[in-house]
Amino acid sequence: MQAMLVRTIPFPPPDRAHALYQVTLHKTDYILEFRRNRLDEYTYLGIYTIHEEPILVGMRLFENEPLLWRFRDPRLPPGDLVPIVESTPRPTWVLAYVEA
């Protein structure tokens, strides 16, 4: 069985150091927290329940590196999140949710 891209979530613009998004993945609502460290210029992700309980916090994002495959928390969606760069019309980072 092949993986299927379900949706993409845009990263906040580079000039924003912090952003929260409420998203639904696999019929469950989550809060995604993006934090950009201006010193090292990396973006970090936190995943929270809709009730703001932390599930995973402080994950540094790397292009094309799946994030969730190594974690076994039952509150996480069954698919994976993968940071990718879309190049239309200019390079833009997105977080792709891929169902297994």
PDB file of N, CA and C in Angstrom:
ATOM      1  N   MET A   1       0.838  -1.168   0.000  1.00  0.00           N
ATOM      2  CA  MET A   1       0.000   0.000   0.000  1.00  0.00           C
ATOM      3  C   MET A   1       0.892   1.242   0.000  1.00  0.00           C
ATOM      4  N   GLN A   2       0.554   2.244  -0.828  1.00  0.00           N
ATOM      5  CA  GLN A   2       1.332   3.464  -0.920  1.00  0.00           C
ATOM      6  C   GLN A   2       0.813   4.525   0.028  1.00  0.00           C
ATOM      7  N   ALA A   3       1.722   5.443   0.418  1.00  0.00           N
ATOM      8  CA  ALA A   3       1.328   6.579   1.238  1.00  0.00           C
ATOM      9  C   ALA A   3       0.558   7.570   0.367  1.00  0.00           C
ATOM     10  N   MET A   4      -0.339   8.329   1.003  1.00  0.00           N
ATOM     11  CA  MET A   4      -1.154   9.272   0.257  1.00  0.00           C
ATOM     12  C   MET A   4      -1.092  10.643   0.939  1.00  0.00           C
ATOM     13  N   LEU A   5      -0.738  11.673   0.166  1.00  0.00           N
ATOM     14  CA  LEU A   5      -0.728  13.032   0.682  1.00  0.00           C
ATOM     15  C   LEU A   5      -2.164  13.472   0.926  1.00  0.00           C
ATOM     16  N   VAL A   6      -2.453  13.899   2.135  1.00  0.00           N
ATOM     17  CA  VAL A   6      -3.802  14.280   2.493  1.00  0.00           C
ATOM     18  C   VAL A   6      -3.968  15.794   2.476  1.00  0.00           C
ATOM     19  N   ARG A   7      -3.010  16.520   3.031  1.00  0.00           N
ATOM     20  CA  ARG A   7      -3.110  17.976   3.066  1.00  0.00           C
ATOM     21  C   ARG A   7      -1.750  18.590   3.339  1.00  0.00           C
ATOM     22  N   THR A   8      -1.648  19.883   3.063  1.00  0.00           N
ATOM     23  CA  THR A   8      -0.440  20.622   3.404  1.00  0.00           C
ATOM     24  C   THR A   8      -0.816  21.790   4.319  1.00  0.00           C
ATOM     25  N   ILE A   9       0.098  22.117   5.205  1.00  0.00           N
ATOM     26  CA  ILE A   9      -0.087  23.192   6.170  1.00  0.00           C
ATOM     27  C   ILE A   9       1.062  24.168   5.947  1.00  0.00           C
ATOM     28  N   PRO A  10       0.770  25.426   5.598  1.00  0.00           N
ATOM     29  CA  PRO A  10       1.857  26.368   5.326  1.00  0.00           C
ATOM     30  C   PRO A  10       2.610  26.753   6.586  1.00  0.00           C
ATOM     31  N   PHE A  11       3.923  26.913   6.450  1.00  0.00           N
ATOM     32  CA  PHE A  11       4.709  27.473   7.541  1.00  0.00           C
ATOM     33  C   PHE A  11       4.347  28.951   7.657  1.00  0.00           C
ATOM     34  N   PRO A  12       4.509  29.534   8.826  1.00  0.00           N
ATOM     35  CA  PRO A  12       4.321  30.983   8.920  1.00  0.00           C
ATOM     36  C   PRO A  12       5.411  31.696   8.123  1.00  0.00           C
ATOM     37  N   PRO A  13       5.180  32.939   7.712  1.00  0.00           N
ATOM     38  CA  PRO A  13       6.208  33.682   6.985  1.00  0.00           C
ATOM     39  C   PRO A  13       7.495  33.773   7.809  1.00  0.00           C
ATOM     40  N   PRO A  14       8.650  33.854   7.150  1.00  0.00           N
ATOM     41  CA  PRO A  14       9.936  33.876   7.870  1.00  0.00           C
ATOM     42  C   PRO A  14      10.081  35.009   8.886  1.00  0.00           C
ATOM     43  N   ASP A  15       9.347  36.100   8.700  1.00  0.00           N
ATOM     44  CA  ASP A  15       9.481  37.212   9.641  1.00  0.00           C
ATOM     45  C   ASP A  15       8.638  37.024  10.904  1.00  0.00           C
ATOM     46  N   ARG A  16       7.829  35.975  10.954  1.00  0.00           N
ATOM     47  CA  ARG A  16       7.052  35.668  12.168  1.00  0.00           C
ATOM     48  C   ARG A  16       7.786  34.636  12.996  1.00  0.00           C
ATOM     49  N   ALA A  17       8.047  34.959  14.245  1.00  0.00           N
ATOM     50  CA  ALA A  17       8.803  34.053  15.115  1.00  0.00           C
ATOM     51  C   ALA A  17       7.917  32.977  15.744  1.00  0.00           C
ATOM     52  N   HIS A  18       6.601  33.192  15.731  1.00  0.00           N
ATOM     53  CA  HIS A  18       5.707  32.258  16.421  1.00  0.00           C
ATOM     54  C   HIS A  18       4.344  32.253  15.733  1.00  0.00           C
ATOM     55  N   ALA A  19       3.768  31.059  15.577  1.00  0.00           N
ATOM     56  CA  ALA A  19       2.427  30.950  15.005  1.00  0.00           C
ATOM     57  C   ALA A  19       1.775  29.673  15.520  1.00  0.00           C
ATOM     58  N   LEU A  20       0.466  29.749  15.720  1.00  0.00           N
ATOM     59  CA  LEU A  20      -0.339  28.593  16.123  1.00  0.00           C
ATOM     60  C   LEU A  20      -1.378  28.330  15.040  1.00  0.00           C
ATOM     61  N   TYR A  21      -1.554  27.049  14.689  1.00  0.00           N
ATOM     62  CA  TYR A  21      -2.575  26.651  13.732  1.00  0.00           C
ATOM     63  C   TYR A  21      -3.403  25.543  14.350  1.00  0.00           C
ATOM     64  N   GLN A  22      -4.709  25.627  14.191  1.00  0.00           N
ATOM     65  CA  GLN A  22      -5.575  24.509  14.564  1.00  0.00           C
ATOM     66  C   GLN A  22      -5.851  23.732  13.293  1.00  0.00           C
ATOM     67  N   VAL A  23      -5.549  22.424  13.318  1.00  0.00           N
ATOM     68  CA  VAL A  23      -5.734  21.586  12.137  1.00  0.00           C
ATOM     69  C   VAL A  23      -6.432  20.291  12.531  1.00  0.00           C
ATOM     70  N   THR A  24      -7.076  19.691  11.555  1.00  0.00           N
ATOM     71  CA  THR A  24      -7.688  18.378  11.746  1.00  0.00           C
ATOM     72  C   THR A  24      -6.906  17.376  10.914  1.00  0.00           C
ATOM     73  N   LEU A  25      -6.381  16.365  11.578  1.00  0.00           N
ATOM     74  CA  LEU A  25      -5.641  15.294  10.912  1.00  0.00           C
ATOM     75  C   LEU A  25      -6.269  13.971  11.317  1.00  0.00           C
ATOM     76  N   HIS A  26      -6.683  13.206  10.333  1.00  0.00           N
ATOM     77  CA  HIS A  26      -7.297  11.897  10.580  1.00  0.00           C
ATOM     78  C   HIS A  26      -8.442  12.016  11.599  1.00  0.00           C
ATOM     79  N   LYS A  27      -9.327  12.993  11.371  1.00  0.00           N
ATOM     80  CA  LYS A  27     -10.542  13.204  12.164  1.00  0.00           C
ATOM     81  C   LYS A  27     -10.288  13.630  13.613  1.00  0.00           C
ATOM     82  N   THR A  28      -9.082  14.130  13.904  1.00  0.00           N
ATOM     83  CA  THR A  28      -8.760  14.614  15.244  1.00  0.00           C
ATOM     84  C   THR A  28      -8.198  16.023  15.128  1.00  0.00           C
ATOM     85  N   ASP A  29      -8.634  16.904  16.024  1.00  0.00           N
ATOM     86  CA  ASP A  29      -8.144  18.279  16.020  1.00  0.00           C
ATOM     87  C   ASP A  29      -6.856  18.390  16.831  1.00  0.00           C
ATOM     88  N   TYR A  30      -5.903  19.151  16.297  1.00  0.00           N
ATOM     89  CA  TYR A  30      -4.617  19.393  16.938  1.00  0.00           C
ATOM     90  C   TYR A  30      -4.301  20.880  16.862  1.00  0.00           C
ATOM     91  N   ILE A  31      -3.395  21.310  17.718  1.00  0.00           N
ATOM     92  CA  ILE A  31      -2.802  22.629  17.602  1.00  0.00           C
ATOM     93  C   ILE A  31      -1.345  22.421  17.229  1.00  0.00           C
ATOM     94  N   LEU A  32      -0.927  23.050  16.138  1.00  0.00           N
ATOM     95  CA  LEU A  32       0.475  23.009  15.723  1.00  0.00           C
ATOM     96  C   LEU A  32       1.094  24.356  16.052  1.00  0.00           C
ATOM     97  N   GLU A  33       2.218  24.313  16.742  1.00  0.00           N
ATOM     98  CA  GLU A  33       2.923  25.533  17.114  1.00  0.00           C
ATOM     99  C   GLU A  33       4.243  25.586  16.350  1.00  0.00           C
ATOM    100  N   PHE A  34       4.404  26.623  15.564  1.00  0.00           N
ATOM    101  CA  PHE A  34       5.647  26.848  14.839  1.00  0.00           C
ATOM    102  C   PHE A  34       6.429  27.941  15.560  1.00  0.00           C
ATOM    103  N   ARG A  35       7.693  27.664  15.862  1.00  0.00           N
ATOM    104  CA  ARG A  35       8.581  28.664  16.457  1.00  0.00           C
ATOM    105  C   ARG A  35       9.837  28.757  15.600  1.00  0.00           C
ATOM    106  N   ARG A  36      10.165  29.953  15.213  1.00  0.00           N
ATOM    107  CA  ARG A  36      11.368  30.173  14.408  1.00  0.00           C
ATOM    108  C   ARG A  36      12.430  30.788  15.295  1.00  0.00           C
ATOM    109  N   ASN A  37      13.582  30.129  15.345  1.00  0.00           N
ATOM    110  CA  ASN A  37      14.715  30.638  16.101  1.00  0.00           C
ATOM    111  C   ASN A  37      15.519  31.539  15.180  1.00  0.00           C
ATOM    112  N   ARG A  38      15.550  32.797  15.487  1.00  0.00           N
ATOM    113  CA  ARG A  38      16.224  33.750  14.600  1.00  0.00           C
ATOM    114  C   ARG A  38      17.740  33.625  14.664  1.00  0.00           C
ATOM    115  N   LEU A  39      18.276  33.013  15.704  1.00  0.00           N
ATOM    116  CA  LEU A  39      19.726  32.838  15.796  1.00  0.00           C
ATOM    117  C   LEU A  39      20.212  31.725  14.877  1.00  0.00           C
ATOM    118  N   ASP A  40      19.563  30.558  14.949  1.00  0.00           N
ATOM    119  CA  ASP A  40      20.006  29.451  14.091  1.00  0.00           C
ATOM    120  C   ASP A  40      19.174  29.335  12.809  1.00  0.00           C
ATOM    121  N   GLU A  41      18.114  30.146  12.695  1.00  0.00           N
ATOM    122  CA  GLU A  41      17.251  30.208  11.514  1.00  0.00           C
ATOM    123  C   GLU A  41      16.529  28.906  11.203  1.00  0.00           C
ATOM    124  N   TYR A  42      16.320  28.077  12.213  1.00  0.00           N
ATOM    125  CA  TYR A  42      15.535  26.861  12.042  1.00  0.00           C
ATOM    126  C   TYR A  42      14.137  27.078  12.596  1.00  0.00           C
ATOM    127  N   THR A  43      13.224  26.268  12.113  1.00  0.00           N
ATOM    128  CA  THR A  43      11.856  26.289  12.624  1.00  0.00           C
ATOM    129  C   THR A  43      11.648  25.032  13.457  1.00  0.00           C
ATOM    130  N   TYR A  44      10.959  25.194  14.563  1.00  0.00           N
ATOM    131  CA  TYR A  44      10.675  24.103  15.490  1.00  0.00           C
ATOM    132  C   TYR A  44       9.163  23.935  15.591  1.00  0.00           C
ATOM    133  N   LEU A  45       8.728  22.692  15.757  1.00  0.00           N
ATOM    134  CA  LEU A  45       7.306  22.371  15.786  1.00  0.00           C
ATOM    135  C   LEU A  45       6.923  21.782  17.128  1.00  0.00           C
ATOM    136  N   GLY A  46       5.759  22.201  17.614  1.00  0.00           N
ATOM    137  CA  GLY A  46       5.136  21.580  18.770  1.00  0.00           C
ATOM    138  C   GLY A  46       3.760  21.083  18.352  1.00  0.00           C
ATOM    139  N   ILE A  47       3.374  19.928  18.839  1.00  0.00           N
ATOM    140  CA  ILE A  47       2.049  19.366  18.556  1.00  0.00           C
ATOM    141  C   ILE A  47       1.327  19.213  19.884  1.00  0.00           C
ATOM    142  N   TYR A  48       0.113  19.767  19.936  1.00  0.00           N
ATOM    143  CA  TYR A  48      -0.684  19.768  21.152  1.00  0.00           C
ATOM    144  C   TYR A  48      -2.076  19.230  20.857  1.00  0.00           C
ATOM    145  N   THR A  49      -2.719  18.701  21.896  1.00  0.00           N
ATOM    146  CA  THR A  49      -4.128  18.341  21.757  1.00  0.00           C
ATOM    147  C   THR A  49      -4.930  19.632  21.629  1.00  0.00           C
ATOM    148  N   ILE A  50      -6.168  19.519  21.261  1.00  0.00           N
ATOM    149  CA  ILE A  50      -7.029  20.685  21.136  1.00  0.00           C
ATOM    150  C   ILE A  50      -7.217  21.369  22.498  1.00  0.00           C
ATOM    151  N   HIS A  51      -6.918  20.651  23.579  1.00  0.00           N
ATOM    152  CA  HIS A  51      -7.021  21.192  24.938  1.00  0.00           C
ATOM    153  C   HIS A  51      -5.672  21.740  25.419  1.00  0.00           C
ATOM    154  N   GLU A  52      -4.748  21.920  24.470  1.00  0.00           N
ATOM    155  CA  GLU A  52      -3.425  22.508  24.707  1.00  0.00           C
ATOM    156  C   GLU A  52      -2.514  21.642  25.575  1.00  0.00           C
ATOM    157  N   GLU A  53      -2.750  20.341  25.581  1.00  0.00           N
ATOM    158  CA  GLU A  53      -1.853  19.418  26.274  1.00  0.00           C
ATOM    159  C   GLU A  53      -0.731  19.045  25.305  1.00  0.00           C
ATOM    160  N   PRO A  54       0.539  19.193  25.705  1.00  0.00           N
ATOM    161  CA  PRO A  54       1.637  18.891  24.780  1.00  0.00           C
ATOM    162  C   PRO A  54       1.728  17.399  24.456  1.00  0.00           C
ATOM    163  N   ILE A  55       1.954  17.123  23.185  1.00  0.00           N
ATOM    164  CA  ILE A  55       2.211  15.754  22.727  1.00  0.00           C
ATOM    165  C   ILE A  55       3.689  15.642  22.358  1.00  0.00           C
ATOM    166  N   LEU A  56       4.147  16.495  21.460  1.00  0.00           N
ATOM    167  CA  LEU A  56       5.559  16.590  21.083  1.00  0.00           C
ATOM    168  C   LEU A  56       5.915  18.072  21.013  1.00  0.00           C
ATOM    169  N   VAL A  57       7.042  18.441  21.571  1.00  0.00           N
ATOM    170  CA  VAL A  57       7.416  19.851  21.617  1.00  0.00           C
ATOM    171  C   VAL A  57       8.889  20.004  21.230  1.00  0.00           C
ATOM    172  N   GLY A  58       9.184  21.059  20.473  1.00  0.00           N
ATOM    173  CA  GLY A  58      10.572  21.409  20.171  1.00  0.00           C
ATOM    174  C   GLY A  58      11.243  20.560  19.107  1.00  0.00           C
ATOM    175  N   MET A  59      10.479  20.030  18.161  1.00  0.00           N
ATOM    176  CA  MET A  59      11.075  19.224  17.084  1.00  0.00           C
ATOM    177  C   MET A  59      11.626  20.155  15.996  1.00  0.00           C
ATOM    178  N   ARG A  60      12.916  20.061  15.746  1.00  0.00           N
ATOM    179  CA  ARG A  60      13.530  20.864  14.693  1.00  0.00           C
ATOM    180  C   ARG A  60      13.155  20.269  13.342  1.00  0.00           C
ATOM    181  N   LEU A  61      12.749  21.118  12.416  1.00  0.00           N
ATOM    182  CA  LEU A  61      12.257  20.658  11.124  1.00  0.00           C
ATOM    183  C   LEU A  61      13.355  20.700  10.070  1.00  0.00           C
ATOM    184  N   PHE A  62      13.478  19.590   9.338  1.00  0.00           N
ATOM    185  CA  PHE A  62      14.418  19.461   8.240  1.00  0.00           C
ATOM    186  C   PHE A  62      13.646  19.065   6.992  1.00  0.00           C
ATOM    187  N   GLU A  63      14.029  19.620   5.869  1.00  0.00           N
ATOM    188  CA  GLU A  63      13.337  19.331   4.615  1.00  0.00           C
ATOM    189  C   GLU A  63      13.322  17.836   4.313  1.00  0.00           C
ATOM    190  N   ASN A  64      12.145  17.329   3.958  1.00  0.00           N
ATOM    191  CA  ASN A  64      11.908  15.937   3.543  1.00  0.00           C
ATOM    192  C   ASN A  64      12.190  14.902   4.625  1.00  0.00           C
ATOM    193  N   GLU A  65      12.286  15.304   5.872  1.00  0.00           N
ATOM    194  CA  GLU A  65      12.526  14.345   6.953  1.00  0.00           C
ATOM    195  C   GLU A  65      11.231  14.109   7.731  1.00  0.00           C
ATOM    196  N   PRO A  66      10.640  12.904   7.607  1.00  0.00           N
ATOM    197  CA  PRO A  66       9.403  12.603   8.340  1.00  0.00           C
ATOM    198  C   PRO A  66       9.594  12.784   9.842  1.00  0.00           C
ATOM    199  N   LEU A  67       8.548  13.259  10.502  1.00  0.00           N
ATOM    200  CA  LEU A  67       8.657  13.608  11.921  1.00  0.00           C
ATOM    201  C   LEU A  67       8.092  12.576  12.885  1.00  0.00           C
ATOM    202  N   LEU A  68       7.007  11.925  12.530  1.00  0.00           N
ATOM    203  CA  LEU A  68       6.256  11.154  13.520  1.00  0.00           C
ATOM    204  C   LEU A  68       6.567   9.668  13.549  1.00  0.00           C
ATOM    205  N   TRP A  69       7.243   9.138  12.568  1.00  0.00           N
ATOM    206  CA  TRP A  69       7.411   7.686  12.460  1.00  0.00           C
ATOM    207  C   TRP A  69       8.078   7.064  13.674  1.00  0.00           C
ATOM    208  N   ARG A  70       8.889   7.821  14.391  1.00  0.00           N
ATOM    209  CA  ARG A  70       9.635   7.243  15.517  1.00  0.00           C
ATOM    210  C   ARG A  70       8.914   7.363  16.864  1.00  0.00           C
ATOM    211  N   PHE A  71       7.764   8.034  16.875  1.00  0.00           N
ATOM    212  CA  PHE A  71       7.030   8.229  18.126  1.00  0.00           C
ATOM    213  C   PHE A  71       5.817   7.309  18.179  1.00  0.00           C
ATOM    214  N   ARG A  72       5.489   6.826  19.365  1.00  0.00           N
ATOM    215  CA  ARG A  72       4.394   5.872  19.528  1.00  0.00           C
ATOM    216  C   ARG A  72       3.276   6.396  20.418  1.00  0.00           C
ATOM    217  N   ASP A  73       3.146   7.695  20.536  1.00  0.00           N
ATOM    218  CA  ASP A  73       2.090   8.267  21.367  1.00  0.00           C
ATOM    219  C   ASP A  73       0.746   8.027  20.674  1.00  0.00           C
ATOM    220  N   PRO A  74      -0.204   7.389  21.330  1.00  0.00           N
ATOM    221  CA  PRO A  74      -1.490   7.082  20.690  1.00  0.00           C
ATOM    222  C   PRO A  74      -2.312   8.319  20.339  1.00  0.00           C
ATOM    223  N   ARG A  75      -1.940   9.481  20.870  1.00  0.00           N
ATOM    224  CA  ARG A  75      -2.668  10.710  20.543  1.00  0.00           C
ATOM    225  C   ARG A  75      -2.253  11.279  19.188  1.00  0.00           C
ATOM    226  N   LEU A  76      -1.139  10.803  18.642  1.00  0.00           N
ATOM    227  CA  LEU A  76      -0.671  11.282  17.341  1.00  0.00           C
ATOM    228  C   LEU A  76      -1.494  10.677  16.214  1.00  0.00           C
ATOM    229  N   PRO A  77      -1.599  11.384  15.095  1.00  0.00           N
ATOM    230  CA  PRO A  77      -2.318  10.802  13.947  1.00  0.00           C
ATOM    231  C   PRO A  77      -1.534   9.615  13.394  1.00  0.00           C
ATOM    232  N   PRO A  78      -2.210   8.691  12.702  1.00  0.00           N
ATOM    233  CA  PRO A  78      -1.540   7.489  12.207  1.00  0.00           C
ATOM    234  C   PRO A  78      -0.594   7.750  11.034  1.00  0.00           C
ATOM    235  N   GLY A  79      -0.683   8.878  10.393  1.00  0.00           N
ATOM    236  CA  GLY A  79       0.192   9.198   9.273  1.00  0.00           C
ATOM    237  C   GLY A  79       1.470   9.860   9.745  1.00  0.00           C
ATOM    238  N   ASP A  80       2.075  10.659   8.876  1.00  0.00           N
ATOM    239  CA  ASP A  80       3.304  11.355   9.231  1.00  0.00           C
ATOM    240  C   ASP A  80       3.257  12.782   8.714  1.00  0.00           C
ATOM    241  N   LEU A  81       4.055  13.628   9.318  1.00  0.00           N
ATOM    242  CA  LEU A  81       4.219  15.016   8.889  1.00  0.00           C
ATOM    243  C   LEU A  81       5.610  15.155   8.291  1.00  0.00           C
ATOM    244  N   VAL A  82       5.678  15.759   7.106  1.00  0.00           N
ATOM    245  CA  VAL A  82       6.955  15.900   6.404  1.00  0.00           C
ATOM    246  C   VAL A  82       7.107  17.348   5.938  1.00  0.00           C
ATOM    247  N   PRO A  83       8.139  18.051   6.410  1.00  0.00           N
ATOM    248  CA  PRO A  83       8.382  19.406   5.912  1.00  0.00           C
ATOM    249  C   PRO A  83       8.908  19.339   4.475  1.00  0.00           C
ATOM    250  N   ILE A  84       8.282  20.069   3.567  1.00  0.00           N
ATOM    251  CA  ILE A  84       8.726  20.094   2.173  1.00  0.00           C
ATOM    252  C   ILE A  84       8.740  21.537   1.682  1.00  0.00           C
ATOM    253  N   VAL A  85       9.419  21.761   0.575  1.00  0.00           N
ATOM    254  CA  VAL A  85       9.452  23.075  -0.045  1.00  0.00           C
ATOM    255  C   VAL A  85       8.676  23.002  -1.350  1.00  0.00           C
ATOM    256  N   GLU A  86       7.627  23.825  -1.438  1.00  0.00           N
ATOM    257  CA  GLU A  86       6.887  23.949  -2.699  1.00  0.00           C
ATOM    258  C   GLU A  86       7.487  25.129  -3.443  1.00  0.00           C
ATOM    259  N   SER A  87       7.640  25.012  -4.734  1.00  0.00           N
ATOM    260  CA  SER A  87       8.314  26.070  -5.486  1.00  0.00           C
ATOM    261  C   SER A  87       7.372  26.789  -6.448  1.00  0.00           C
ATOM    262  N   THR A  88       6.165  27.092  -5.977  1.00  0.00           N
ATOM    263  CA  THR A  88       5.223  27.804  -6.837  1.00  0.00           C
ATOM    264  C   THR A  88       4.695  29.037  -6.142  1.00  0.00           C
ATOM    265  N   PRO A  89       4.836  30.232  -6.597  1.00  0.00           N
ATOM    266  CA  PRO A  89       5.789  30.679  -7.620  1.00  0.00           C
ATOM    267  C   PRO A  89       7.186  30.899  -7.062  1.00  0.00           C
ATOM    268  N   ARG A  90       7.296  30.980  -5.722  1.00  0.00           N
ATOM    269  CA  ARG A  90       8.620  31.079  -5.105  1.00  0.00           C
ATOM    270  C   ARG A  90       8.692  30.023  -4.004  1.00  0.00           C
ATOM    271  N   PRO A  91       9.885  29.627  -3.606  1.00  0.00           N
ATOM    272  CA  PRO A  91       9.990  28.561  -2.599  1.00  0.00           C
ATOM    273  C   PRO A  91       9.241  28.904  -1.309  1.00  0.00           C
ATOM    274  N   THR A  92       8.374  27.978  -0.899  1.00  0.00           N
ATOM    275  CA  THR A  92       7.569  28.149   0.307  1.00  0.00           C
ATOM    276  C   THR A  92       7.580  26.833   1.074  1.00  0.00           C
ATOM    277  N   TRP A  93       7.889  26.905   2.362  1.00  0.00           N
ATOM    278  CA  TRP A  93       7.864  25.706   3.206  1.00  0.00           C
ATOM    279  C   TRP A  93       6.421  25.357   3.577  1.00  0.00           C
ATOM    280  N   VAL A  94       6.109  24.064   3.532  1.00  0.00           N
ATOM    281  CA  VAL A  94       4.831  23.561   4.019  1.00  0.00           C
ATOM    282  C   VAL A  94       5.084  22.282   4.814  1.00  0.00           C
ATOM    283  N   LEU A  95       4.151  21.954   5.654  1.00  0.00           N
ATOM    284  CA  LEU A  95       4.188  20.699   6.389  1.00  0.00           C
ATOM    285  C   LEU A  95       3.149  19.801   5.725  1.00  0.00           C
ATOM    286  N   ALA A  96       3.594  18.708   5.140  1.00  0.00           N
ATOM    287  CA  ALA A  96       2.684  17.793   4.437  1.00  0.00           C
ATOM    288  C   ALA A  96       2.266  16.678   5.389  1.00  0.00           C
ATOM    289  N   TYR A  97       0.954  16.415   5.442  1.00  0.00           N
ATOM    290  CA  TYR A  97       0.468  15.273   6.209  1.00  0.00           C
ATOM    291  C   TYR A  97       0.233  14.137   5.236  1.00  0.00           C
ATOM    292  N   VAL A  98       0.890  13.029   5.485  1.00  0.00           N
ATOM    293  CA  VAL A  98       0.840  11.862   4.611  1.00  0.00           C
ATOM    294  C   VAL A  98       0.238  10.698   5.389  1.00  0.00           C
ATOM    295  N   GLU A  99      -0.872  10.155   4.899  1.00  0.00           N
ATOM    296  CA  GLU A  99      -1.457   8.978   5.545  1.00  0.00           C
ATOM    297  C   GLU A  99      -0.764   7.735   5.051  1.00  0.00           C
ATOM    298  N   ALA A 100      -0.593   6.792   5.957  1.00  0.00           N
ATOM    299  CA  ALA A 100       0.055   5.519   5.586  1.00  0.00           C
ATOM    300  C   ALA A 100      -0.875   4.647   4.802  1.00  0.00           C
TER     301      ALA A 100
END
